[in-house]
Amino acid sequence: MITNIHDRRTNLHLWRTIDAVAEATWHDNHNPDVDGSHDNADPSASIASGDIYAVRTAISVADAVTWAHAFADEITLYLYDAGSYDTDEG
C-alpha cells in the first residue's frame, strides 16, 4: 500500500517511461519530521522477500502506482526520470 509519493523527476510532464522505487516506509522513520516512529516500526517489515526496496525501470507512472500499491507493506513510492535512477546507489 502506498503511504507516500516523492516525485523526483526533473520534467514532470514525462510520464510514459520513468524509473520507480518502492521503499518500505518504516525505513526512513528515524527522521523526527515524519509520521510514525522508528521505535514503533516493525524492523521485520519488507516489501519483497525481506528487501527494504524494489526498483522498476522503464515503467509508466500509472503502472508504477499500480505496482507499488500492490505491496502488502506500507511503502513510499519514488519517481525518477527514465534512466536516471542508479541501481548501484540503492
C-alpha atoms as a PDB file:
ATOM      1  CA  MET A   1       0.000   0.000   0.000  1.00  0.00           C
ATOM      2  CA  ILE A   2       1.374   3.437  -0.925  1.00  0.00           C
ATOM      3  CA  THR A   3       1.662   5.755   2.065  1.00  0.00           C
ATOM      4  CA  ASN A   4       3.708   8.499   0.399  1.00  0.00           C
ATOM      5  CA  ILE A   5       4.970   9.557  -3.022  1.00  0.00           C
ATOM      6  CA  HIS A   6       8.148  11.545  -3.745  1.00  0.00           C
ATOM      7  CA  ASP A   7       8.297  12.803  -7.306  1.00  0.00           C
ATOM      8  CA  ARG A   8      11.955  13.397  -8.121  1.00  0.00           C
ATOM      9  CA  ARG A   9      11.531  13.802 -11.881  1.00  0.00           C
ATOM     10  CA  THR A  10      13.027  16.941 -13.400  1.00  0.00           C
ATOM     11  CA  ASN A  11      10.380  17.005 -16.126  1.00  0.00           C
ATOM     12  CA  LEU A  12       7.021  16.311 -14.502  1.00  0.00           C
ATOM     13  CA  HIS A  13       5.273  16.125 -17.881  1.00  0.00           C
ATOM     14  CA  LEU A  14       7.081  12.966 -18.971  1.00  0.00           C
ATOM     15  CA  TRP A  15       5.003  10.041 -17.748  1.00  0.00           C
ATOM     16  CA  ARG A  16       5.244   7.191 -20.271  1.00  0.00           C
ATOM     17  CA  THR A  17       8.652   5.940 -19.190  1.00  0.00           C
ATOM     18  CA  ILE A  18      10.088   6.569 -15.740  1.00  0.00           C
ATOM     19  CA  ASP A  19      12.071   4.726 -13.088  1.00  0.00           C
ATOM     20  CA  ALA A  20      10.257   3.867  -9.859  1.00  0.00           C
ATOM     21  CA  VAL A  21      11.454   2.784  -6.441  1.00  0.00           C
ATOM     22  CA  ALA A  22       9.165   1.325  -3.785  1.00  0.00           C
ATOM     23  CA  GLU A  23      10.774   1.612  -0.349  1.00  0.00           C
ATOM     24  CA  ALA A  24       9.421   0.371   2.966  1.00  0.00           C
ATOM     25  CA  THR A  25       8.008   3.473   4.664  1.00  0.00           C
ATOM     26  CA  TRP A  26       9.404   2.458   8.052  1.00  0.00           C
ATOM     27  CA  HIS A  27      12.930   2.670   6.610  1.00  0.00           C
ATOM     28  CA  ASP A  28      13.159   6.474   6.985  1.00  0.00           C
ATOM     29  CA  ASN A  29      11.174   6.788  10.187  1.00  0.00           C
ATOM     30  CA  HIS A  30      14.330   7.774  12.109  1.00  0.00           C
ATOM     31  CA  ASN A  31      13.681  11.300  10.810  1.00  0.00           C
ATOM     32  CA  PRO A  32      11.825  13.226  13.555  1.00  0.00           C
ATOM     33  CA  ASP A  33       9.689  15.074  10.972  1.00  0.00           C
ATOM     34  CA  VAL A  34       7.805  12.004   9.694  1.00  0.00           C
ATOM     35  CA  ASP A  35       4.531  10.386  10.664  1.00  0.00           C
ATOM     36  CA  GLY A  36       5.078   7.368  12.848  1.00  0.00           C
ATOM     37  CA  SER A  37       8.084   6.471  14.890  1.00  0.00           C
ATOM     38  CA  HIS A  38      11.115   4.370  14.115  1.00  0.00           C
ATOM     39  CA  ASP A  39      10.815   2.974  17.631  1.00  0.00           C
ATOM     40  CA  ASN A  40       7.371   1.604  16.753  1.00  0.00           C
ATOM     41  CA  ALA A  41       8.323   0.396  13.274  1.00  0.00           C
ATOM     42  CA  ASP A  42       8.408  -3.298  12.591  1.00  0.00           C
ATOM     43  CA  PRO A  43      12.024  -3.974  11.556  1.00  0.00           C
ATOM     44  CA  SER A  44      10.975  -7.281  10.015  1.00  0.00           C
ATOM     45  CA  ALA A  45       8.646  -5.493   7.578  1.00  0.00           C
ATOM     46  CA  SER A  46       9.663  -5.932   3.972  1.00  0.00           C
ATOM     47  CA  ILE A  47       8.302  -5.141   0.557  1.00  0.00           C
ATOM     48  CA  ALA A  48       9.773  -8.007  -1.421  1.00  0.00           C
ATOM     49  CA  SER A  49      11.148 -11.102   0.278  1.00  0.00           C
ATOM     50  CA  GLY A  50      12.906  -9.217   3.049  1.00  0.00           C
ATOM     51  CA  ASP A  51      14.204  -6.360   0.938  1.00  0.00           C
ATOM     52  CA  ILE A  52      13.853  -2.742   2.016  1.00  0.00           C
ATOM     53  CA  TYR A  53      13.166  -1.527  -1.514  1.00  0.00           C
ATOM     54  CA  ALA A  54      12.308  -2.688  -5.024  1.00  0.00           C
ATOM     55  CA  VAL A  55      13.061  -0.983  -8.345  1.00  0.00           C
ATOM     56  CA  ARG A  56      11.244  -0.938 -11.676  1.00  0.00           C
ATOM     57  CA  THR A  57      12.752   0.839 -14.670  1.00  0.00           C
ATOM     58  CA  ALA A  58      11.151   1.909 -17.950  1.00  0.00           C
ATOM     59  CA  ILE A  59       7.649   1.875 -16.477  1.00  0.00           C
ATOM     60  CA  SER A  60       4.810   4.391 -16.849  1.00  0.00           C
ATOM     61  CA  VAL A  61       3.634   6.494 -13.925  1.00  0.00           C
ATOM     62  CA  ALA A  62       0.278   4.677 -13.919  1.00  0.00           C
ATOM     63  CA  ASP A  63       1.959   1.266 -13.920  1.00  0.00           C
ATOM     64  CA  ALA A  64       4.352   2.385 -11.165  1.00  0.00           C
ATOM     65  CA  VAL A  65       1.439   3.393  -8.944  1.00  0.00           C
ATOM     66  CA  THR A  66      -0.383   0.109  -9.620  1.00  0.00           C
ATOM     67  CA  TRP A  67       2.809  -1.893  -8.964  1.00  0.00           C
ATOM     68  CA  ALA A  68       3.623  -0.050  -5.730  1.00  0.00           C
ATOM     69  CA  HIS A  69       0.067  -0.161  -4.432  1.00  0.00           C
ATOM     70  CA  ALA A  70       0.072  -3.969  -4.692  1.00  0.00           C
ATOM     71  CA  PHE A  71       2.688  -4.370  -1.934  1.00  0.00           C
ATOM     72  CA  ALA A  72       1.164  -5.518   1.349  1.00  0.00           C
ATOM     73  CA  ASP A  73       3.546  -3.354   3.389  1.00  0.00           C
ATOM     74  CA  GLU A  74       3.319   0.413   3.658  1.00  0.00           C
ATOM     75  CA  ILE A  75       5.711   1.868   1.097  1.00  0.00           C
ATOM     76  CA  THR A  76       6.958   5.211  -0.160  1.00  0.00           C
ATOM     77  CA  LEU A  77       6.998   5.442  -3.952  1.00  0.00           C
ATOM     78  CA  TYR A  78       9.832   7.441  -5.528  1.00  0.00           C
ATOM     79  CA  LEU A  79       9.529   8.545  -9.158  1.00  0.00           C
ATOM     80  CA  TYR A  80      12.638   9.351 -11.225  1.00  0.00           C
ATOM     81  CA  ASP A  81      13.323  10.381 -14.802  1.00  0.00           C
ATOM     82  CA  ALA A  82      13.800   7.317 -17.015  1.00  0.00           C
ATOM     83  CA  GLY A  83      17.367   6.091 -16.857  1.00  0.00           C
ATOM     84  CA  SER A  84      18.329   8.401 -14.004  1.00  0.00           C
ATOM     85  CA  TYR A  85      17.965   6.032 -11.051  1.00  0.00           C
ATOM     86  CA  ASP A  86      21.324   4.486 -10.288  1.00  0.00           C
ATOM     87  CA  THR A  87      20.674   0.964  -9.019  1.00  0.00           C
ATOM     88  CA  ASP A  88      24.251   0.825  -7.697  1.00  0.00           C
ATOM     89  CA  GLU A  89      23.490   3.608  -5.224  1.00  0.00           C
ATOM     90  CA  GLY A  90      20.328   1.932  -3.934  1.00  0.00           C
END
